[in-house]
Amino acid sequence: MLADERAAITVEATLSPSATVEEDDTATALATFSPRTPSFLDPLAKGADDVQIETDLGDLSLDKMFYGLTQLYPTTPGARIVAE
């Protein structure tokens, strides 16, 4: 994010561990940007499938697609998950 955007844009995010066993080092997040989406995400508005970002904490893949079910909050390990 550009320095001037950091001061002007707030991010509200919910982070959950990945629901897939094979990807236990990943997480899923839902993010809302206010008052606008940062410019580095412009490719998504122009039809790109995703935007890849390298950070000191790991790589991020941002997209706006939902396939199947998306986990919205952490669950208790080993607990049965019921979709209603």
PDB file of N, CA and C in Angstrom:
ATOM      1  N   MET A   1       0.851  -1.158   0.000  1.00  0.00           N
ATOM      2  CA  MET A   1       0.000   0.000   0.000  1.00  0.00           C
ATOM      3  C   MET A   1       0.902   1.228   0.000  1.00  0.00           C
ATOM      4  N   LEU A   2       0.549   2.213  -0.763  1.00  0.00           N
ATOM      5  CA  LEU A   2       1.325   3.434  -0.809  1.00  0.00           C
ATOM      6  C   LEU A   2       1.228   4.164   0.522  1.00  0.00           C
ATOM      7  N   ALA A   3       2.286   4.921   0.874  1.00  0.00           N
ATOM      8  CA  ALA A   3       2.335   5.579   2.179  1.00  0.00           C
ATOM      9  C   ALA A   3       1.135   6.481   2.429  1.00  0.00           C
ATOM     10  N   ASP A   4       0.713   7.260   1.429  1.00  0.00           N
ATOM     11  CA  ASP A   4      -0.425   8.157   1.632  1.00  0.00           C
ATOM     12  C   ASP A   4      -1.732   7.378   1.787  1.00  0.00           C
ATOM     13  N   GLU A   5      -1.822   6.188   1.193  1.00  0.00           N
ATOM     14  CA  GLU A   5      -3.022   5.359   1.344  1.00  0.00           C
ATOM     15  C   GLU A   5      -3.106   4.761   2.739  1.00  0.00           C
ATOM     16  N   ARG A   6      -1.973   4.469   3.357  1.00  0.00           N
ATOM     17  CA  ARG A   6      -1.977   3.870   4.695  1.00  0.00           C
ATOM     18  C   ARG A   6      -2.699   4.749   5.701  1.00  0.00           C
ATOM     19  N   ALA A   7      -2.527   6.049   5.581  1.00  0.00           N
ATOM     20  CA  ALA A   7      -3.169   6.966   6.507  1.00  0.00           C
ATOM     21  C   ALA A   7      -4.641   7.180   6.171  1.00  0.00           C
ATOM     22  N   ALA A   8      -5.013   6.997   4.913  1.00  0.00           N
ATOM     23  CA  ALA A   8      -6.357   7.334   4.460  1.00  0.00           C
ATOM     24  C   ALA A   8      -7.321   6.152   4.429  1.00  0.00           C
ATOM     25  N   ILE A   9      -6.808   4.924   4.476  1.00  0.00           N
ATOM     26  CA  ILE A   9      -7.656   3.737   4.340  1.00  0.00           C
ATOM     27  C   ILE A   9      -7.563   2.886   5.599  1.00  0.00           C
ATOM     28  N   THR A  10      -8.711   2.496   6.116  1.00  0.00           N
ATOM     29  CA  THR A  10      -8.737   1.572   7.240  1.00  0.00           C
ATOM     30  C   THR A  10      -9.146   0.190   6.739  1.00  0.00           C
ATOM     31  N   VAL A  11      -8.666  -0.836   7.416  1.00  0.00           N
ATOM     32  CA  VAL A  11      -8.961  -2.221   7.043  1.00  0.00           C
ATOM     33  C   VAL A  11      -9.627  -2.906   8.222  1.00  0.00           C
ATOM     34  N   GLU A  12     -10.739  -3.560   7.955  1.00  0.00           N
ATOM     35  CA  GLU A  12     -11.412  -4.384   8.951  1.00  0.00           C
ATOM     36  C   GLU A  12     -11.342  -5.810   8.416  1.00  0.00           C
ATOM     37  N   ALA A  13     -10.750  -6.734   9.181  1.00  0.00           N
ATOM     38  CA  ALA A  13     -10.548  -8.090   8.665  1.00  0.00           C
ATOM     39  C   ALA A  13     -10.901  -9.139   9.707  1.00  0.00           C
ATOM     40  N   THR A  14     -11.384 -10.277   9.219  1.00  0.00           N
ATOM     41  CA  THR A  14     -11.638 -11.460  10.029  1.00  0.00           C
ATOM     42  C   THR A  14     -10.736 -12.550   9.481  1.00  0.00           C
ATOM     43  N   LEU A  15      -9.926 -13.161  10.328  1.00  0.00           N
ATOM     44  CA  LEU A  15      -8.956 -14.172   9.908  1.00  0.00           C
ATOM     45  C   LEU A  15      -9.324 -15.512  10.518  1.00  0.00           C
ATOM     46  N   SER A  16      -9.314 -16.565   9.677  1.00  0.00           N
ATOM     47  CA  SER A  16      -9.615 -17.922  10.131  1.00  0.00           C
ATOM     48  C   SER A  16      -8.576 -18.882   9.577  1.00  0.00           C
ATOM     49  N   PRO A  17      -8.225 -19.919  10.333  1.00  0.00           N
ATOM     50  CA  PRO A  17      -7.306 -20.928   9.801  1.00  0.00           C
ATOM     51  C   PRO A  17      -7.924 -21.602   8.582  1.00  0.00           C
ATOM     52  N   SER A  18      -7.083 -22.086   7.698  1.00  0.00           N
ATOM     53  CA  SER A  18      -7.581 -22.785   6.520  1.00  0.00           C
ATOM     54  C   SER A  18      -8.372 -24.016   6.939  1.00  0.00           C
ATOM     55  N   ALA A  19      -9.449 -24.284   6.209  1.00  0.00           N
ATOM     56  CA  ALA A  19     -10.284 -25.454   6.505  1.00  0.00           C
ATOM     57  C   ALA A  19      -9.713 -26.715   5.868  1.00  0.00           C
ATOM     58  N   THR A  20      -8.702 -26.575   5.021  1.00  0.00           N
ATOM     59  CA  THR A  20      -8.124 -27.735   4.343  1.00  0.00           C
ATOM     60  C   THR A  20      -6.944 -28.276   5.127  1.00  0.00           C
ATOM     61  N   VAL A  21      -6.936 -29.557   5.343  1.00  0.00           N
ATOM     62  CA  VAL A  21      -5.870 -30.206   6.107  1.00  0.00           C
ATOM     63  C   VAL A  21      -4.521 -30.032   5.417  1.00  0.00           C
ATOM     64  N   GLU A  22      -4.493 -30.123   4.100  1.00  0.00           N
ATOM     65  CA  GLU A  22      -3.232 -30.037   3.367  1.00  0.00           C
ATOM     66  C   GLU A  22      -2.581 -28.670   3.484  1.00  0.00           C
ATOM     67  N   GLU A  23      -3.349 -27.648   3.818  1.00  0.00           N
ATOM     68  CA  GLU A  23      -2.820 -26.290   3.845  1.00  0.00           C
ATOM     69  C   GLU A  23      -2.875 -25.722   5.258  1.00  0.00           C
ATOM     70  N   ASP A  24      -2.294 -26.434   6.227  1.00  0.00           N
ATOM     71  CA  ASP A  24      -2.416 -26.000   7.614  1.00  0.00           C
ATOM     72  C   ASP A  24      -1.598 -24.753   7.935  1.00  0.00           C
ATOM     73  N   ASP A  25      -0.756 -24.295   7.013  1.00  0.00           N
ATOM     74  CA  ASP A  25       0.010 -23.075   7.264  1.00  0.00           C
ATOM     75  C   ASP A  25      -0.623 -21.863   6.576  1.00  0.00           C
ATOM     76  N   THR A  26      -1.870 -21.993   6.155  1.00  0.00           N
ATOM     77  CA  THR A  26      -2.555 -20.888   5.491  1.00  0.00           C
ATOM     78  C   THR A  26      -3.778 -20.465   6.309  1.00  0.00           C
ATOM     79  N   ALA A  27      -4.293 -19.310   5.970  1.00  0.00           N
ATOM     80  CA  ALA A  27      -5.495 -18.796   6.625  1.00  0.00           C
ATOM     81  C   ALA A  27      -6.354 -18.110   5.577  1.00  0.00           C
ATOM     82  N   THR A  28      -7.611 -17.938   5.902  1.00  0.00           N
ATOM     83  CA  THR A  28      -8.552 -17.239   5.043  1.00  0.00           C
ATOM     84  C   THR A  28      -8.987 -15.979   5.769  1.00  0.00           C
ATOM     85  N   ALA A  29      -9.052 -14.873   5.056  1.00  0.00           N
ATOM     86  CA  ALA A  29      -9.488 -13.619   5.675  1.00  0.00           C
ATOM     87  C   ALA A  29     -10.544 -12.964   4.810  1.00  0.00           C
ATOM     88  N   LEU A  30     -11.474 -12.329   5.456  1.00  0.00           N
ATOM     89  CA  LEU A  30     -12.426 -11.455   4.787  1.00  0.00           C
ATOM     90  C   LEU A  30     -12.039 -10.040   5.191  1.00  0.00           C
ATOM     91  N   ALA A  31     -11.836  -9.162   4.215  1.00  0.00           N
ATOM     92  CA  ALA A  31     -11.381  -7.805   4.512  1.00  0.00           C
ATOM     93  C   ALA A  31     -12.317  -6.779   3.896  1.00  0.00           C
ATOM     94  N   THR A  32     -12.531  -5.715   4.625  1.00  0.00           N
ATOM     95  CA  THR A  32     -13.305  -4.574   4.147  1.00  0.00           C
ATOM     96  C   THR A  32     -12.411  -3.347   4.260  1.00  0.00           C
ATOM     97  N   PHE A  33     -12.288  -2.615   3.181  1.00  0.00           N
ATOM     98  CA  PHE A  33     -11.477  -1.404   3.152  1.00  0.00           C
ATOM     99  C   PHE A  33     -12.396  -0.194   3.162  1.00  0.00           C
ATOM    100  N   SER A  34     -12.017   0.840   3.927  1.00  0.00           N
ATOM    101  CA  SER A  34     -12.845   2.040   4.000  1.00  0.00           C
ATOM    102  C   SER A  34     -11.951   3.268   3.991  1.00  0.00           C
ATOM    103  N   PRO A  35     -12.266   4.286   3.275  1.00  0.00           N
ATOM    104  CA  PRO A  35     -13.453   4.552   2.478  1.00  0.00           C
ATOM    105  C   PRO A  35     -13.377   3.994   1.057  1.00  0.00           C
ATOM    106  N   ARG A  36     -12.216   3.398   0.682  1.00  0.00           N
ATOM    107  CA  ARG A  36     -12.074   2.841  -0.667  1.00  0.00           C
ATOM    108  C   ARG A  36     -11.060   1.710  -0.646  1.00  0.00           C
ATOM    109  N   THR A  37     -11.032   0.956  -1.728  1.00  0.00           N
ATOM    110  CA  THR A  37     -10.073  -0.133  -1.876  1.00  0.00           C
ATOM    111  C   THR A  37      -8.708   0.449  -2.247  1.00  0.00           C
ATOM    112  N   PRO A  38      -7.605  -0.059  -1.664  1.00  0.00           N
ATOM    113  CA  PRO A  38      -6.282   0.449  -2.002  1.00  0.00           C
ATOM    114  C   PRO A  38      -5.943   0.227  -3.478  1.00  0.00           C
ATOM    115  N   SER A  39      -5.138   1.097  -4.031  1.00  0.00           N
ATOM    116  CA  SER A  39      -4.819   1.050  -5.461  1.00  0.00           C
ATOM    117  C   SER A  39      -4.107  -0.235  -5.877  1.00  0.00           C
ATOM    118  N   PHE A  40      -3.368  -0.888  -4.965  1.00  0.00           N
ATOM    119  CA  PHE A  40      -2.669  -2.112  -5.366  1.00  0.00           C
ATOM    120  C   PHE A  40      -3.649  -3.243  -5.694  1.00  0.00           C
ATOM    121  N   LEU A  41      -4.933  -3.074  -5.334  1.00  0.00           N
ATOM    122  CA  LEU A  41      -5.942  -4.079  -5.663  1.00  0.00           C
ATOM    123  C   LEU A  41      -6.726  -3.727  -6.932  1.00  0.00           C
ATOM    124  N   ASP A  42      -6.354  -2.649  -7.622  1.00  0.00           N
ATOM    125  CA  ASP A  42      -7.023  -2.260  -8.871  1.00  0.00           C
ATOM    126  C   ASP A  42      -7.102  -3.392  -9.897  1.00  0.00           C
ATOM    127  N   PRO A  43      -6.072  -4.257 -10.022  1.00  0.00           N
ATOM    128  CA  PRO A  43      -6.183  -5.352 -11.001  1.00  0.00           C
ATOM    129  C   PRO A  43      -7.403  -6.254 -10.779  1.00  0.00           C
ATOM    130  N   LEU A  44      -7.858  -6.412  -9.527  1.00  0.00           N
ATOM    131  CA  LEU A  44      -9.042  -7.226  -9.262  1.00  0.00           C
ATOM    132  C   LEU A  44     -10.287  -6.604  -9.891  1.00  0.00           C
ATOM    133  N   ALA A  45     -10.392  -5.284  -9.826  1.00  0.00           N
ATOM    134  CA  ALA A  45     -11.541  -4.593 -10.428  1.00  0.00           C
ATOM    135  C   ALA A  45     -11.494  -4.664 -11.954  1.00  0.00           C
ATOM    136  N   LYS A  46     -10.293  -4.898 -12.492  1.00  0.00           N
ATOM    137  CA  LYS A  46     -10.137  -4.954 -13.947  1.00  0.00           C
ATOM    138  C   LYS A  46     -10.157  -6.383 -14.474  1.00  0.00           C
ATOM    139  N   GLY A  47     -10.543  -7.344 -13.619  1.00  0.00           N
ATOM    140  CA  GLY A  47     -10.723  -8.712 -14.082  1.00  0.00           C
ATOM    141  C   GLY A  47      -9.636  -9.702 -13.729  1.00  0.00           C
ATOM    142  N   ALA A  48      -8.585  -9.283 -13.017  1.00  0.00           N
ATOM    143  CA  ALA A  48      -7.536 -10.228 -12.616  1.00  0.00           C
ATOM    144  C   ALA A  48      -8.115 -11.245 -11.639  1.00  0.00           C
ATOM    145  N   ASP A  49      -7.608 -12.479 -11.691  1.00  0.00           N
ATOM    146  CA  ASP A  49      -8.074 -13.522 -10.774  1.00  0.00           C
ATOM    147  C   ASP A  49      -7.614 -13.274  -9.347  1.00  0.00           C
ATOM    148  N   ASP A  50      -6.377 -12.777  -9.193  1.00  0.00           N
ATOM    149  CA  ASP A  50      -5.855 -12.501  -7.867  1.00  0.00           C
ATOM    150  C   ASP A  50      -4.693 -11.523  -7.943  1.00  0.00           C
ATOM    151  N   VAL A  51      -4.261 -11.061  -6.777  1.00  0.00           N
ATOM    152  CA  VAL A  51      -3.099 -10.190  -6.642  1.00  0.00           C
ATOM    153  C   VAL A  51      -2.182 -10.864  -5.628  1.00  0.00           C
ATOM    154  N   GLN A  52      -0.923 -11.059  -5.977  1.00  0.00           N
ATOM    155  CA  GLN A  52       0.053 -11.701  -5.095  1.00  0.00           C
ATOM    156  C   GLN A  52       0.934 -10.633  -4.456  1.00  0.00           C
ATOM    157  N   ILE A  53       1.157 -10.741  -3.150  1.00  0.00           N
ATOM    158  CA  ILE A  53       1.987  -9.783  -2.422  1.00  0.00           C
ATOM    159  C   ILE A  53       2.950 -10.558  -1.535  1.00  0.00           C
ATOM    160  N   GLU A  54       4.224 -10.197  -1.577  1.00  0.00           N
ATOM    161  CA  GLU A  54       5.223 -10.789  -0.687  1.00  0.00           C
ATOM    162  C   GLU A  54       5.399  -9.862   0.508  1.00  0.00           C
ATOM    163  N   THR A  55       5.348 -10.428   1.720  1.00  0.00           N
ATOM    164  CA  THR A  55       5.557  -9.639   2.937  1.00  0.00           C
ATOM    165  C   THR A  55       6.616 -10.326   3.792  1.00  0.00           C
ATOM    166  N   ASP A  56       7.070  -9.640   4.826  1.00  0.00           N
ATOM    167  CA  ASP A  56       8.047 -10.232   5.747  1.00  0.00           C
ATOM    168  C   ASP A  56       7.464 -11.426   6.495  1.00  0.00           C
ATOM    169  N   LEU A  57       6.138 -11.462   6.645  1.00  0.00           N
ATOM    170  CA  LEU A  57       5.483 -12.545   7.385  1.00  0.00           C
ATOM    171  C   LEU A  57       5.051 -13.701   6.495  1.00  0.00           C
ATOM    172  N   GLY A  58       5.143 -13.535   5.185  1.00  0.00           N
ATOM    173  CA  GLY A  58       4.725 -14.583   4.254  1.00  0.00           C
ATOM    174  C   GLY A  58       4.040 -13.983   3.049  1.00  0.00           C
ATOM    175  N   ASP A  59       3.682 -14.832   2.116  1.00  0.00           N
ATOM    176  CA  ASP A  59       3.036 -14.387   0.888  1.00  0.00           C
ATOM    177  C   ASP A  59       1.528 -14.281   1.077  1.00  0.00           C
ATOM    178  N   LEU A  60       0.944 -13.272   0.439  1.00  0.00           N
ATOM    179  CA  LEU A  60      -0.506 -13.095   0.458  1.00  0.00           C
ATOM    180  C   LEU A  60      -1.043 -13.247  -0.950  1.00  0.00           C
ATOM    181  N   SER A  61      -2.153 -13.908  -1.072  1.00  0.00           N
ATOM    182  CA  SER A  61      -2.880 -14.015  -2.330  1.00  0.00           C
ATOM    183  C   SER A  61      -4.262 -13.433  -2.077  1.00  0.00           C
ATOM    184  N   LEU A  62      -4.563 -12.317  -2.727  1.00  0.00           N
ATOM    185  CA  LEU A  62      -5.850 -11.656  -2.530  1.00  0.00           C
ATOM    186  C   LEU A  62      -6.718 -11.873  -3.752  1.00  0.00           C
ATOM    187  N   ASP A  63      -7.980 -12.261  -3.514  1.00  0.00           N
ATOM    188  CA  ASP A  63      -8.915 -12.423  -4.622  1.00  0.00           C
ATOM    189  C   ASP A  63     -10.299 -12.017  -4.148  1.00  0.00           C
ATOM    190  N   LYS A  64     -11.245 -12.017  -5.056  1.00  0.00           N
ATOM    191  CA  LYS A  64     -12.615 -11.660  -4.684  1.00  0.00           C
ATOM    192  C   LYS A  64     -13.594 -12.765  -5.052  1.00  0.00           C
ATOM    193  N   MET A  65     -13.080 -13.973  -5.200  1.00  0.00           N
ATOM    194  CA  MET A  65     -13.906 -15.111  -5.588  1.00  0.00           C
ATOM    195  C   MET A  65     -14.223 -15.984  -4.378  1.00  0.00           C
ATOM    196  N   PHE A  66     -15.431 -16.505  -4.363  1.00  0.00           N
ATOM    197  CA  PHE A  66     -15.841 -17.461  -3.353  1.00  0.00           C
ATOM    198  C   PHE A  66     -16.287 -18.719  -4.077  1.00  0.00           C
ATOM    199  N   TYR A  67     -15.579 -19.817  -3.834  1.00  0.00           N
ATOM    200  CA  TYR A  67     -15.941 -21.097  -4.434  1.00  0.00           C
ATOM    201  C   TYR A  67     -16.380 -22.024  -3.318  1.00  0.00           C
ATOM    202  N   GLY A  68     -17.570 -22.539  -3.429  1.00  0.00           N
ATOM    203  CA  GLY A  68     -18.047 -23.449  -2.395  1.00  0.00           C
ATOM    204  C   GLY A  68     -18.296 -22.709  -1.105  1.00  0.00           C
ATOM    205  N   LEU A  69     -17.810 -23.247   0.008  1.00  0.00           N
ATOM    206  CA  LEU A  69     -17.998 -22.642   1.321  1.00  0.00           C
ATOM    207  C   LEU A  69     -16.722 -21.921   1.738  1.00  0.00           C
ATOM    208  N   THR A  70     -16.875 -20.796   2.376  1.00  0.00           N
ATOM    209  CA  THR A  70     -15.734 -20.041   2.892  1.00  0.00           C
ATOM    210  C   THR A  70     -15.875 -19.956   4.407  1.00  0.00           C
ATOM    211  N   GLN A  71     -14.861 -20.418   5.117  1.00  0.00           N
ATOM    212  CA  GLN A  71     -14.881 -20.392   6.575  1.00  0.00           C
ATOM    213  C   GLN A  71     -14.757 -18.946   7.036  1.00  0.00           C
ATOM    214  N   LEU A  72     -15.650 -18.511   7.910  1.00  0.00           N
ATOM    215  CA  LEU A  72     -15.678 -17.123   8.343  1.00  0.00           C
ATOM    216  C   LEU A  72     -15.116 -16.909   9.747  1.00  0.00           C
ATOM    217  N   TYR A  73     -14.935 -17.977  10.525  1.00  0.00           N
ATOM    218  CA  TYR A  73     -14.417 -17.830  11.872  1.00  0.00           C
ATOM    219  C   TYR A  73     -13.747 -19.145  12.284  1.00  0.00           C
ATOM    220  N   PRO A  74     -12.814 -19.085  13.241  1.00  0.00           N
ATOM    221  CA  PRO A  74     -12.147 -20.309  13.699  1.00  0.00           C
ATOM    222  C   PRO A  74     -13.142 -21.269  14.344  1.00  0.00           C
ATOM    223  N   THR A  75     -12.872 -22.555  14.220  1.00  0.00           N
ATOM    224  CA  THR A  75     -13.711 -23.572  14.847  1.00  0.00           C
ATOM    225  C   THR A  75     -12.873 -24.360  15.844  1.00  0.00           C
ATOM    226  N   THR A  76     -13.535 -25.108  16.704  1.00  0.00           N
ATOM    227  CA  THR A  76     -12.848 -25.940  17.681  1.00  0.00           C
ATOM    228  C   THR A  76     -12.235 -27.137  16.970  1.00  0.00           C
ATOM    229  N   PRO A  77     -10.924 -27.368  17.128  1.00  0.00           N
ATOM    230  CA  PRO A  77     -10.286 -28.514  16.464  1.00  0.00           C
ATOM    231  C   PRO A  77     -10.994 -29.817  16.817  1.00  0.00           C
ATOM    232  N   GLY A  78     -11.284 -30.612  15.802  1.00  0.00           N
ATOM    233  CA  GLY A  78     -11.934 -31.902  16.000  1.00  0.00           C
ATOM    234  C   GLY A  78     -13.437 -31.837  16.132  1.00  0.00           C
ATOM    235  N   ALA A  79     -13.992 -30.632  16.261  1.00  0.00           N
ATOM    236  CA  ALA A  79     -15.441 -30.504  16.413  1.00  0.00           C
ATOM    237  C   ALA A  79     -16.128 -30.678  15.051  1.00  0.00           C
ATOM    238  N   ARG A  80     -17.320 -31.252  15.092  1.00  0.00           N
ATOM    239  CA  ARG A  80     -18.130 -31.436  13.871  1.00  0.00           C
ATOM    240  C   ARG A  80     -18.634 -30.073  13.402  1.00  0.00           C
ATOM    241  N   ILE A  81     -18.499 -29.780  12.120  1.00  0.00           N
ATOM    242  CA  ILE A  81     -18.956 -28.512  11.560  1.00  0.00           C
ATOM    243  C   ILE A  81     -20.263 -28.763  10.825  1.00  0.00           C
ATOM    244  N   VAL A  82     -21.294 -27.996  11.164  1.00  0.00           N
ATOM    245  CA  VAL A  82     -22.597 -28.143  10.553  1.00  0.00           C
ATOM    246  C   VAL A  82     -22.898 -26.896   9.737  1.00  0.00           C
ATOM    247  N   ALA A  83     -23.209 -27.078   8.461  1.00  0.00           N
ATOM    248  CA  ALA A  83     -23.599 -25.957   7.607  1.00  0.00           C
ATOM    249  C   ALA A  83     -25.117 -25.903   7.547  1.00  0.00           C
ATOM    250  N   GLU A  84     -25.679 -24.768   7.860  1.00  0.00           N
ATOM    251  CA  GLU A  84     -27.136 -24.611   7.862  1.00  0.00           C
ATOM    252  C   GLU A  84     -27.561 -23.615   6.825  1.00  0.00           C
TER     253      GLU A  84
END
